[in-house]
Amino acid sequence: MKILAIEKEVPGVDWSTVSKDILAQEALGVYKMYLSEQLREHYFNEHNCAVLVLECDSKAHAQELLGKLSLVQNNLITFDIMELHPYTGYNRLINT
């Protein structure tokens, strides 16, 4: 199942005080997720928030994976998580 996860920064976080170790752990965690093929695509949106496309069994599995990331564990970011399903609207749009 494809899952879309959009980062939300936690209000009040002073990013200038976040240790480089936490950021390095985050990068390594994301890289490992990518190598395991659970993270299929990753981007930044216009607000510089991460947008991830995951391949998981469920939303709960995606939440579990994201919960292992250091920025999530340190309550610096959260994610909005939603399932992506194949588009099925062609029958409504095209008279076949």
Protein backbone atom coordinates (compact mmCIF):
# COMPACT_ATOMS: atom_id res chain seq x y z
CA MET A 1 0.00 0.00 0.00
CA LYS A 2 1.27 3.46 -0.85
CA ILE A 3 1.25 5.98 1.97
CA LEU A 4 1.73 9.73 1.71
CA ALA A 5 3.38 11.32 4.75
CA ILE A 6 3.67 15.10 5.00
CA GLU A 7 5.88 16.59 7.68
CA LYS A 8 4.47 19.11 10.13
CA GLU A 9 6.88 21.08 12.26
CA VAL A 10 6.04 21.25 15.94
CA PRO A 11 5.29 24.86 16.94
CA GLY A 12 7.89 26.55 19.10
CA VAL A 13 10.87 24.43 18.07
CA ASP A 14 14.10 26.46 17.94
CA TRP A 15 16.00 24.71 15.16
CA SER A 16 19.20 26.56 16.03
CA THR A 17 19.40 24.48 19.24
CA VAL A 18 18.88 21.07 17.59
CA SER A 19 22.09 19.06 17.78
CA LYS A 20 23.93 17.99 14.65
CA ASP A 21 23.86 14.43 16.05
CA ILE A 22 20.05 14.36 15.96
CA LEU A 23 20.08 15.66 12.37
CA ALA A 24 22.72 13.08 11.37
CA GLN A 25 20.64 10.30 12.97
CA GLU A 26 17.60 11.55 11.04
CA ALA A 27 19.49 11.47 7.75
CA LEU A 28 20.75 7.95 8.46
CA GLY A 29 17.26 6.77 9.43
CA VAL A 30 15.74 8.15 6.23
CA TYR A 31 18.55 6.63 4.18
CA LYS A 32 18.02 3.20 5.75
CA MET A 33 14.28 3.47 5.08
CA TYR A 34 15.10 4.25 1.45
CA LEU A 35 17.52 1.31 1.16
CA SER A 36 14.88 -1.03 2.62
CA GLU A 37 12.51 0.11 -0.17
CA GLN A 38 9.93 1.27 2.35
CA LEU A 39 10.62 4.86 1.35
CA ARG A 40 9.91 5.11 -2.37
CA GLU A 41 10.11 8.86 -2.96
CA HIS A 42 10.96 11.92 -0.90
CA TYR A 43 10.66 15.62 -1.58
CA PHE A 44 10.44 19.02 0.06
CA ASN A 45 7.33 21.12 -0.51
CA GLU A 46 7.30 24.91 -0.87
CA HIS A 47 7.33 25.23 2.94
CA ASN A 48 10.52 23.14 3.17
CA CYS A 49 8.61 20.27 4.82
CA ALA A 50 9.36 16.69 3.87
CA VAL A 51 6.85 14.85 1.69
CA LEU A 52 7.40 11.08 1.72
CA VAL A 53 5.85 8.30 -0.34
CA LEU A 54 6.12 5.06 1.62
CA GLU A 55 5.37 1.46 0.74
CA CYS A 56 3.82 -0.11 3.87
CA ASP A 57 1.25 -2.67 4.93
CA SER A 58 -0.93 -0.03 6.62
CA LYS A 59 -1.10 3.49 8.01
CA ALA A 60 -0.19 2.03 11.40
CA HIS A 61 2.95 0.48 9.90
CA ALA A 62 3.87 3.84 8.36
CA GLN A 63 3.34 5.55 11.73
CA GLU A 64 5.60 2.95 13.34
CA LEU A 65 8.35 3.49 10.74
CA LEU A 66 8.19 7.27 10.99
CA GLY A 67 8.16 7.05 14.77
CA LYS A 68 11.68 5.61 14.65
CA LEU A 69 13.08 8.77 13.06
CA SER A 70 15.09 10.93 15.46
CA LEU A 71 13.21 14.17 14.71
CA VAL A 72 9.90 12.42 15.51
CA GLN A 73 11.33 10.75 18.62
CA ASN A 74 12.57 14.13 19.86
CA ASN A 75 9.17 15.77 19.22
CA LEU A 76 10.59 18.17 16.63
CA ILE A 77 8.27 17.10 13.79
CA THR A 78 5.15 15.03 13.21
CA PHE A 79 3.55 13.68 10.05
CA ASP A 80 0.11 13.76 8.47
CA ILE A 81 -0.30 10.25 7.08
CA MET A 82 -2.79 9.14 4.44
CA GLU A 83 -3.36 6.09 2.27
CA LEU A 84 -3.09 6.48 -1.48
CA HIS A 85 -5.42 4.38 -3.63
CA PRO A 86 -5.52 3.88 -7.40
CA TYR A 87 -7.68 6.37 -9.24
CA THR A 88 -11.03 4.80 -10.17
CA GLY A 89 -12.93 7.79 -11.52
CA TYR A 90 -12.51 7.15 -15.24
CA ASN A 91 -15.90 5.45 -15.52
CA ARG A 92 -17.55 8.65 -14.29
CA LEU A 93 -15.58 10.79 -16.74
CA ILE A 94 -15.39 8.71 -19.89
CA ASN A 95 -18.46 7.25 -21.52
CA THR A 96 -17.27 3.75 -22.50
